[in-house]
Amino acid sequence: MWTFYILHSVSTDKYYIGFTGDLIAERLRKHNTHHKGFTGNTNDWKVVYTEEYFTKAEAIHREKEVKKWKSRKLLLKLIGSEHSD
C-alpha cells in the first residue's frame, strides 16, 4: 500500500504534501527529526489528511495533482473537517 498524505505545522502554519510506501507513523517520525529540507526546521508536524493507494504510480499522481492546485483554500477544502484552523 502507498499513502498520499498532508502534514501541517502549527508553528509555521505551513502544509506539506507527500506520499510514502512506509507506515505513516514512521514517515511522520522522519519529518519531525532535524534534517535539511522543507520539514526539517520544525518538529511539530501532524498528519491532517491521508488517502491509500494500491500502487506507487497512483500515489504520485495524486501528490502531483494536489501540488498543482497551489491553493491553500482548495487544500483546506480537501482536508475538510479532519483539520480545524
N, C-alpha and C. Protein backbone atom coordinates (compact mmCIF):
# COMPACT_ATOMS: atom_id res chain seq x y z
N MET A 1 0.83 -1.19 0.00
CA MET A 1 0.00 0.00 0.00
C MET A 1 0.87 1.26 0.00
N TRP A 2 0.36 2.30 -0.60
CA TRP A 2 1.02 3.60 -0.65
C TRP A 2 0.07 4.64 -0.07
N THR A 3 0.63 5.59 0.63
CA THR A 3 -0.18 6.61 1.28
C THR A 3 0.18 7.99 0.76
N PHE A 4 -0.83 8.71 0.29
CA PHE A 4 -0.72 10.12 -0.02
C PHE A 4 -1.10 10.83 1.27
N TYR A 5 -0.31 11.85 1.67
CA TYR A 5 -0.59 12.48 2.95
C TYR A 5 -0.34 13.98 2.91
N ILE A 6 -0.99 14.66 3.86
CA ILE A 6 -0.78 16.09 4.06
C ILE A 6 -0.44 16.30 5.52
N LEU A 7 0.64 17.03 5.76
CA LEU A 7 1.06 17.37 7.12
C LEU A 7 0.83 18.86 7.35
N HIS A 8 0.68 19.22 8.63
CA HIS A 8 0.56 20.64 9.00
C HIS A 8 1.46 20.91 10.19
N SER A 9 2.14 22.06 10.16
CA SER A 9 2.96 22.53 11.27
C SER A 9 2.27 23.74 11.87
N VAL A 10 1.93 23.67 13.14
CA VAL A 10 1.28 24.80 13.82
C VAL A 10 2.25 25.97 13.94
N SER A 11 3.51 25.69 14.27
CA SER A 11 4.47 26.77 14.50
C SER A 11 4.75 27.60 13.25
N THR A 12 4.73 26.98 12.08
CA THR A 12 4.98 27.70 10.83
C THR A 12 3.70 27.98 10.05
N ASP A 13 2.61 27.32 10.44
CA ASP A 13 1.33 27.37 9.72
C ASP A 13 1.52 27.04 8.25
N LYS A 14 2.29 25.99 8.00
CA LYS A 14 2.54 25.53 6.63
C LYS A 14 2.06 24.08 6.49
N TYR A 15 1.80 23.72 5.24
CA TYR A 15 1.39 22.37 4.90
C TYR A 15 2.47 21.71 4.06
N TYR A 16 2.57 20.39 4.19
CA TYR A 16 3.50 19.60 3.39
C TYR A 16 2.69 18.49 2.75
N ILE A 17 2.88 18.28 1.46
CA ILE A 17 2.16 17.26 0.70
C ILE A 17 3.17 16.22 0.23
N GLY A 18 2.88 14.95 0.48
CA GLY A 18 3.80 13.90 0.06
C GLY A 18 3.12 12.56 -0.08
N PHE A 19 3.94 11.54 -0.35
CA PHE A 19 3.46 10.16 -0.40
C PHE A 19 4.55 9.26 0.14
N THR A 20 4.15 8.07 0.58
CA THR A 20 5.12 7.14 1.13
C THR A 20 4.64 5.71 0.99
N GLY A 21 5.60 4.81 0.94
CA GLY A 21 5.32 3.37 0.99
C GLY A 21 5.56 2.84 2.39
N ASP A 22 6.09 3.69 3.26
CA ASP A 22 6.32 3.33 4.67
C ASP A 22 5.02 3.48 5.45
N LEU A 23 5.04 2.98 6.67
CA LEU A 23 3.92 3.27 7.56
C LEU A 23 3.91 4.77 7.81
N ILE A 24 2.74 5.37 7.87
CA ILE A 24 2.64 6.82 8.00
C ILE A 24 3.28 7.30 9.31
N ALA A 25 3.20 6.52 10.37
CA ALA A 25 3.82 6.91 11.65
C ALA A 25 5.33 7.00 11.52
N GLU A 26 5.94 6.09 10.77
CA GLU A 26 7.39 6.12 10.57
C GLU A 26 7.78 7.31 9.70
N ARG A 27 7.00 7.58 8.68
CA ARG A 27 7.30 8.73 7.80
C ARG A 27 7.17 10.03 8.58
N LEU A 28 6.17 10.14 9.42
CA LEU A 28 5.99 11.33 10.25
C LEU A 28 7.17 11.50 11.20
N ARG A 29 7.64 10.41 11.79
CA ARG A 29 8.80 10.47 12.67
C ARG A 29 10.00 11.06 11.94
N LYS A 30 10.21 10.65 10.70
CA LYS A 30 11.33 11.17 9.91
C LYS A 30 11.16 12.67 9.62
N HIS A 31 9.94 13.08 9.33
CA HIS A 31 9.70 14.51 9.08
C HIS A 31 9.98 15.34 10.33
N ASN A 32 9.73 14.77 11.50
CA ASN A 32 9.88 15.51 12.75
C ASN A 32 11.28 15.42 13.36
N THR A 33 12.25 14.95 12.59
CA THR A 33 13.64 14.96 13.05
C THR A 33 14.37 16.08 12.31
N HIS A 34 15.38 16.63 12.96
CA HIS A 34 16.14 17.73 12.34
C HIS A 34 16.89 17.21 11.11
N HIS A 35 16.67 17.83 9.97
CA HIS A 35 17.33 17.46 8.71
C HIS A 35 17.21 18.62 7.74
N LYS A 36 17.94 18.52 6.65
CA LYS A 36 17.82 19.53 5.60
C LYS A 36 16.51 19.27 4.87
N GLY A 37 15.92 20.32 4.40
CA GLY A 37 14.69 20.17 3.65
C GLY A 37 13.55 20.95 4.27
N PHE A 38 12.43 20.94 3.59
CA PHE A 38 11.27 21.75 3.94
C PHE A 38 10.76 21.48 5.36
N THR A 39 10.71 20.21 5.75
CA THR A 39 10.14 19.87 7.06
C THR A 39 11.17 19.79 8.18
N GLY A 40 12.44 20.02 7.88
CA GLY A 40 13.49 19.81 8.86
C GLY A 40 13.69 20.90 9.88
N ASN A 41 13.07 22.04 9.69
CA ASN A 41 13.30 23.17 10.60
C ASN A 41 12.39 23.17 11.83
N THR A 42 11.39 22.33 11.84
CA THR A 42 10.48 22.26 12.98
C THR A 42 10.12 20.80 13.24
N ASN A 43 9.67 20.51 14.43
CA ASN A 43 9.34 19.12 14.75
C ASN A 43 7.91 18.98 15.28
N ASP A 44 7.02 19.83 14.80
CA ASP A 44 5.63 19.74 15.25
C ASP A 44 4.66 19.35 14.12
N TRP A 45 5.16 18.64 13.13
CA TRP A 45 4.31 18.21 12.02
C TRP A 45 3.29 17.18 12.50
N LYS A 46 2.06 17.33 12.03
CA LYS A 46 0.97 16.41 12.34
C LYS A 46 0.31 16.00 11.03
N VAL A 47 -0.10 14.74 10.96
CA VAL A 47 -0.84 14.26 9.79
C VAL A 47 -2.26 14.78 9.88
N VAL A 48 -2.70 15.51 8.85
CA VAL A 48 -4.05 16.06 8.84
C VAL A 48 -4.93 15.42 7.76
N TYR A 49 -4.33 14.63 6.86
CA TYR A 49 -5.12 14.02 5.80
C TYR A 49 -4.34 12.88 5.17
N THR A 50 -5.02 11.78 4.85
CA THR A 50 -4.38 10.66 4.14
C THR A 50 -5.36 10.04 3.15
N GLU A 51 -4.80 9.44 2.12
CA GLU A 51 -5.53 8.61 1.17
C GLU A 51 -4.65 7.41 0.87
N GLU A 52 -5.23 6.22 0.76
CA GLU A 52 -4.48 5.00 0.49
C GLU A 52 -4.61 4.60 -0.98
N TYR A 53 -3.51 4.11 -1.55
CA TYR A 53 -3.49 3.65 -2.95
C TYR A 53 -2.77 2.32 -3.04
N PHE A 54 -3.14 1.52 -4.02
CA PHE A 54 -2.52 0.22 -4.21
C PHE A 54 -1.17 0.31 -4.91
N THR A 55 -0.99 1.36 -5.74
CA THR A 55 0.26 1.47 -6.49
C THR A 55 0.97 2.79 -6.21
N LYS A 56 2.27 2.76 -6.37
CA LYS A 56 3.09 3.96 -6.21
C LYS A 56 2.68 5.02 -7.24
N ALA A 57 2.42 4.57 -8.46
CA ALA A 57 2.04 5.50 -9.54
C ALA A 57 0.77 6.28 -9.18
N GLU A 58 -0.20 5.63 -8.57
CA GLU A 58 -1.43 6.31 -8.16
C GLU A 58 -1.15 7.36 -7.09
N ALA A 59 -0.31 7.01 -6.12
CA ALA A 59 0.03 7.95 -5.04
C ALA A 59 0.79 9.15 -5.58
N ILE A 60 1.73 8.91 -6.48
CA ILE A 60 2.50 10.01 -7.09
C ILE A 60 1.55 10.91 -7.89
N HIS A 61 0.66 10.31 -8.64
CA HIS A 61 -0.29 11.09 -9.43
C HIS A 61 -1.12 12.00 -8.54
N ARG A 62 -1.60 11.48 -7.42
CA ARG A 62 -2.41 12.28 -6.51
C ARG A 62 -1.59 13.41 -5.88
N GLU A 63 -0.35 13.10 -5.50
CA GLU A 63 0.52 14.13 -4.94
C GLU A 63 0.72 15.28 -5.94
N LYS A 64 1.03 14.94 -7.16
CA LYS A 64 1.24 15.96 -8.20
C LYS A 64 -0.03 16.75 -8.46
N GLU A 65 -1.16 16.06 -8.48
CA GLU A 65 -2.43 16.72 -8.72
C GLU A 65 -2.71 17.79 -7.66
N VAL A 66 -2.54 17.44 -6.39
CA VAL A 66 -2.82 18.39 -5.31
C VAL A 66 -1.79 19.51 -5.28
N LYS A 67 -0.52 19.19 -5.53
CA LYS A 67 0.51 20.24 -5.54
C LYS A 67 0.27 21.25 -6.65
N LYS A 68 -0.30 20.82 -7.77
CA LYS A 68 -0.59 21.73 -8.88
C LYS A 68 -1.65 22.76 -8.53
N TRP A 69 -2.48 22.46 -7.54
CA TRP A 69 -3.51 23.40 -7.15
C TRP A 69 -2.92 24.72 -6.70
N LYS A 70 -1.81 24.67 -5.96
CA LYS A 70 -1.16 25.87 -5.42
C LYS A 70 -2.18 26.79 -4.74
N SER A 71 -3.10 26.17 -4.02
CA SER A 71 -4.18 26.92 -3.39
C SER A 71 -4.42 26.40 -1.98
N ARG A 72 -4.18 27.25 -1.00
CA ARG A 72 -4.45 26.89 0.40
C ARG A 72 -5.95 26.64 0.60
N LYS A 73 -6.78 27.44 -0.08
CA LYS A 73 -8.23 27.29 0.04
C LYS A 73 -8.69 25.90 -0.41
N LEU A 74 -8.19 25.43 -1.56
CA LEU A 74 -8.57 24.11 -2.04
C LEU A 74 -8.01 23.01 -1.13
N LEU A 75 -6.81 23.23 -0.62
CA LEU A 75 -6.20 22.27 0.29
C LEU A 75 -7.04 22.13 1.56
N LEU A 76 -7.46 23.25 2.12
CA LEU A 76 -8.29 23.22 3.32
C LEU A 76 -9.65 22.58 3.04
N LYS A 77 -10.18 22.79 1.85
CA LYS A 77 -11.44 22.15 1.46
C LYS A 77 -11.27 20.63 1.42
N LEU A 78 -10.15 20.16 0.88
CA LEU A 78 -9.87 18.73 0.82
C LEU A 78 -9.76 18.15 2.23
N ILE A 79 -9.02 18.84 3.07
CA ILE A 79 -8.82 18.36 4.44
C ILE A 79 -10.15 18.35 5.19
N GLY A 80 -10.96 19.38 4.93
CA GLY A 80 -12.31 19.45 5.49
C GLY A 80 -12.36 19.40 6.99
N SER A 81 -13.25 18.61 7.49
CA SER A 81 -13.48 18.56 8.94
C SER A 81 -12.38 17.82 9.70
N GLU A 82 -11.44 17.20 8.99
CA GLU A 82 -10.35 16.49 9.68
C GLU A 82 -9.36 17.45 10.31
N HIS A 83 -9.40 18.73 9.92
CA HIS A 83 -8.46 19.71 10.45
C HIS A 83 -9.20 21.02 10.65
N SER A 84 -9.10 21.56 11.84
CA SER A 84 -9.73 22.85 12.10
C SER A 84 -8.68 23.92 12.28
N ASP A 85 -8.86 25.04 11.60
CA ASP A 85 -7.94 26.18 11.71
C ASP A 85 -8.38 27.11 12.81
